[in-house]
Amino acid sequence: MTIKECLLDNSKECNDCGECEICDLDPNKICDNCCRCLGDADYSAIKVEKIIMPEKILFKRKKIKK
């Protein structure tokens, strides 16, 4: 069983409160990805703080027919 991390506060585990699904513009609405919170931006971006890689990486390989 893996413990889910809270999206808003990474120091605690997720308790399914739903706070991360609330719209940034209307606190009475669940986010439906309308993108109005992005304003007039022609793109959206996120800042990558850390990339977590597994210790062992498994690759799927296709067999080549000869």
N, C-alpha and C. Protein backbone atom coordinates (compact mmCIF):
# COMPACT_ATOMS: atom_id res chain seq x y z
N MET A 1 0.84 -1.19 0.00
CA MET A 1 0.00 0.00 0.00
C MET A 1 0.89 1.25 0.00
N THR A 2 0.67 2.12 -0.96
CA THR A 2 1.44 3.36 -1.01
C THR A 2 0.61 4.50 -0.41
N ILE A 3 1.29 5.38 0.27
CA ILE A 3 0.64 6.52 0.89
C ILE A 3 0.68 7.69 -0.09
N LYS A 4 -0.50 8.25 -0.38
CA LYS A 4 -0.56 9.40 -1.28
C LYS A 4 -0.17 10.66 -0.51
N GLU A 5 0.62 11.51 -1.17
CA GLU A 5 1.07 12.76 -0.59
C GLU A 5 0.07 13.86 -0.94
N CYS A 6 -0.19 14.75 -0.01
CA CYS A 6 -1.09 15.88 -0.25
C CYS A 6 -0.48 16.78 -1.32
N LEU A 7 -1.28 17.21 -2.29
CA LEU A 7 -0.79 18.07 -3.37
C LEU A 7 -0.51 19.49 -2.90
N LEU A 8 -1.22 19.95 -1.88
CA LEU A 8 -1.06 21.32 -1.41
C LEU A 8 -0.04 21.45 -0.28
N ASP A 9 0.14 20.39 0.49
CA ASP A 9 1.09 20.42 1.60
C ASP A 9 1.82 19.08 1.62
N ASN A 10 3.03 19.04 1.07
CA ASN A 10 3.73 17.78 0.92
C ASN A 10 4.29 17.23 2.23
N SER A 11 4.05 17.91 3.34
CA SER A 11 4.50 17.39 4.62
C SER A 11 3.45 16.48 5.27
N LYS A 12 2.28 16.35 4.66
CA LYS A 12 1.27 15.46 5.21
C LYS A 12 0.73 14.54 4.12
N GLU A 13 0.05 13.49 4.55
CA GLU A 13 -0.49 12.55 3.58
C GLU A 13 -1.90 12.95 3.20
N CYS A 14 -2.33 12.51 2.03
CA CYS A 14 -3.65 12.85 1.50
C CYS A 14 -4.73 12.21 2.35
N ASN A 15 -5.73 13.01 2.74
CA ASN A 15 -6.87 12.48 3.48
C ASN A 15 -8.16 12.64 2.69
N ASP A 16 -8.03 12.84 1.38
CA ASP A 16 -9.16 12.98 0.46
C ASP A 16 -10.13 14.09 0.87
N CYS A 17 -9.60 15.23 1.30
CA CYS A 17 -10.45 16.35 1.71
C CYS A 17 -11.05 17.07 0.51
N GLY A 18 -10.41 16.97 -0.67
CA GLY A 18 -10.93 17.59 -1.88
C GLY A 18 -10.52 19.03 -2.06
N GLU A 19 -9.72 19.56 -1.16
CA GLU A 19 -9.31 20.97 -1.23
C GLU A 19 -8.49 21.26 -2.49
N CYS A 20 -7.77 20.27 -3.00
CA CYS A 20 -6.95 20.46 -4.19
C CYS A 20 -7.79 20.52 -5.47
N GLU A 21 -9.07 20.17 -5.38
CA GLU A 21 -9.94 20.17 -6.55
C GLU A 21 -10.80 21.42 -6.66
N ILE A 22 -10.62 22.38 -5.73
CA ILE A 22 -11.44 23.59 -5.72
C ILE A 22 -10.89 24.59 -6.72
N CYS A 23 -11.79 25.26 -7.43
CA CYS A 23 -11.44 26.28 -8.43
C CYS A 23 -10.71 27.45 -7.76
N ASP A 24 -9.68 27.95 -8.41
CA ASP A 24 -8.92 29.09 -7.86
C ASP A 24 -9.72 30.38 -7.90
N LEU A 25 -10.63 30.52 -8.86
CA LEU A 25 -11.39 31.76 -9.01
C LEU A 25 -12.70 31.74 -8.23
N ASP A 26 -13.35 30.59 -8.13
CA ASP A 26 -14.63 30.46 -7.45
C ASP A 26 -14.54 29.34 -6.41
N PRO A 27 -14.39 29.69 -5.13
CA PRO A 27 -14.20 28.67 -4.11
C PRO A 27 -15.43 27.77 -3.90
N ASN A 28 -16.56 28.09 -4.51
CA ASN A 28 -17.75 27.26 -4.39
C ASN A 28 -17.86 26.25 -5.52
N LYS A 29 -16.86 26.20 -6.39
CA LYS A 29 -16.91 25.35 -7.59
C LYS A 29 -15.73 24.38 -7.60
N ILE A 30 -15.99 23.16 -8.07
CA ILE A 30 -14.91 22.20 -8.27
C ILE A 30 -14.29 22.49 -9.63
N CYS A 31 -12.97 22.44 -9.72
CA CYS A 31 -12.25 22.74 -10.95
C CYS A 31 -12.70 21.81 -12.07
N ASP A 32 -13.04 22.42 -13.22
CA ASP A 32 -13.43 21.64 -14.39
C ASP A 32 -12.48 21.90 -15.56
N ASN A 33 -11.29 22.41 -15.25
CA ASN A 33 -10.25 22.70 -16.25
C ASN A 33 -10.71 23.67 -17.33
N CYS A 34 -11.44 24.71 -16.92
CA CYS A 34 -11.90 25.72 -17.88
C CYS A 34 -10.76 26.65 -18.29
N CYS A 35 -9.69 26.73 -17.52
CA CYS A 35 -8.48 27.52 -17.79
C CYS A 35 -8.69 29.03 -17.70
N ARG A 36 -9.79 29.49 -17.14
CA ARG A 36 -9.99 30.94 -16.97
C ARG A 36 -8.99 31.53 -15.99
N CYS A 37 -8.47 30.70 -15.09
CA CYS A 37 -7.49 31.20 -14.11
C CYS A 37 -6.16 31.52 -14.77
N LEU A 38 -5.94 31.05 -15.98
CA LEU A 38 -4.68 31.33 -16.69
C LEU A 38 -4.69 32.70 -17.33
N GLY A 39 -5.85 33.32 -17.44
CA GLY A 39 -5.94 34.64 -18.04
C GLY A 39 -5.74 34.59 -19.54
N ASP A 40 -5.04 35.59 -20.09
CA ASP A 40 -4.83 35.68 -21.54
C ASP A 40 -3.55 35.01 -21.99
N ALA A 41 -2.98 34.18 -21.17
CA ALA A 41 -1.74 33.50 -21.55
C ALA A 41 -1.99 32.56 -22.71
N ASP A 42 -1.06 32.53 -23.66
CA ASP A 42 -1.20 31.62 -24.79
C ASP A 42 -0.51 30.28 -24.51
N TYR A 43 -0.04 30.13 -23.29
CA TYR A 43 0.58 28.86 -22.87
C TYR A 43 0.46 28.76 -21.35
N SER A 44 0.64 27.58 -20.84
CA SER A 44 0.71 27.40 -19.40
C SER A 44 2.00 26.65 -19.09
N ALA A 45 2.52 26.86 -17.92
CA ALA A 45 3.79 26.23 -17.56
C ALA A 45 3.81 25.92 -16.08
N ILE A 46 4.63 24.96 -15.73
CA ILE A 46 4.87 24.66 -14.33
C ILE A 46 6.38 24.63 -14.12
N LYS A 47 6.79 24.91 -12.90
CA LYS A 47 8.21 24.87 -12.57
C LYS A 47 8.52 23.48 -12.01
N VAL A 48 9.46 22.80 -12.63
CA VAL A 48 9.87 21.48 -12.17
C VAL A 48 10.94 21.66 -11.12
N GLU A 49 10.63 21.24 -9.90
CA GLU A 49 11.57 21.40 -8.80
C GLU A 49 12.46 20.19 -8.62
N LYS A 50 11.92 19.00 -8.90
CA LYS A 50 12.69 17.80 -8.65
C LYS A 50 12.15 16.68 -9.54
N ILE A 51 13.05 15.86 -10.08
CA ILE A 51 12.67 14.68 -10.84
C ILE A 51 13.07 13.46 -10.02
N ILE A 52 12.09 12.64 -9.71
CA ILE A 52 12.34 11.45 -8.89
C ILE A 52 12.39 10.25 -9.82
N MET A 53 13.55 9.63 -9.86
CA MET A 53 13.75 8.47 -10.73
C MET A 53 13.74 7.20 -9.87
N PRO A 54 13.16 6.13 -10.39
CA PRO A 54 13.23 4.87 -9.65
C PRO A 54 14.65 4.34 -9.64
N GLU A 55 14.96 3.52 -8.64
CA GLU A 55 16.31 2.98 -8.55
C GLU A 55 16.60 2.02 -9.70
N LYS A 56 15.60 1.29 -10.11
CA LYS A 56 15.78 0.33 -11.20
C LYS A 56 14.80 0.68 -12.30
N ILE A 57 15.29 0.86 -13.50
CA ILE A 57 14.45 1.21 -14.64
C ILE A 57 14.35 -0.01 -15.55
N LEU A 58 13.13 -0.40 -15.83
CA LEU A 58 12.89 -1.54 -16.71
C LEU A 58 12.44 -1.02 -18.07
N PHE A 59 13.04 -1.51 -19.12
CA PHE A 59 12.68 -1.10 -20.47
C PHE A 59 11.97 -2.25 -21.17
N LYS A 60 10.97 -1.93 -21.94
CA LYS A 60 10.32 -2.93 -22.76
C LYS A 60 11.00 -2.92 -24.11
N ARG A 61 11.36 -4.07 -24.58
CA ARG A 61 12.06 -4.16 -25.87
C ARG A 61 11.22 -4.98 -26.84
N LYS A 62 11.19 -4.54 -28.06
CA LYS A 62 10.49 -5.28 -29.11
C LYS A 62 11.49 -6.23 -29.77
N LYS A 63 10.99 -7.42 -30.03
CA LYS A 63 11.84 -8.37 -30.73
C LYS A 63 11.77 -8.08 -32.23
N ILE A 64 12.92 -8.05 -32.86
CA ILE A 64 13.01 -7.77 -34.29
C ILE A 64 12.96 -9.12 -35.03
N LYS A 65 12.02 -9.20 -35.97
CA LYS A 65 11.91 -10.42 -36.77
C LYS A 65 12.98 -10.42 -37.83
N LYS A 66 13.66 -11.55 -37.98
CA LYS A 66 14.72 -11.65 -38.98
C LYS A 66 14.28 -12.48 -40.14
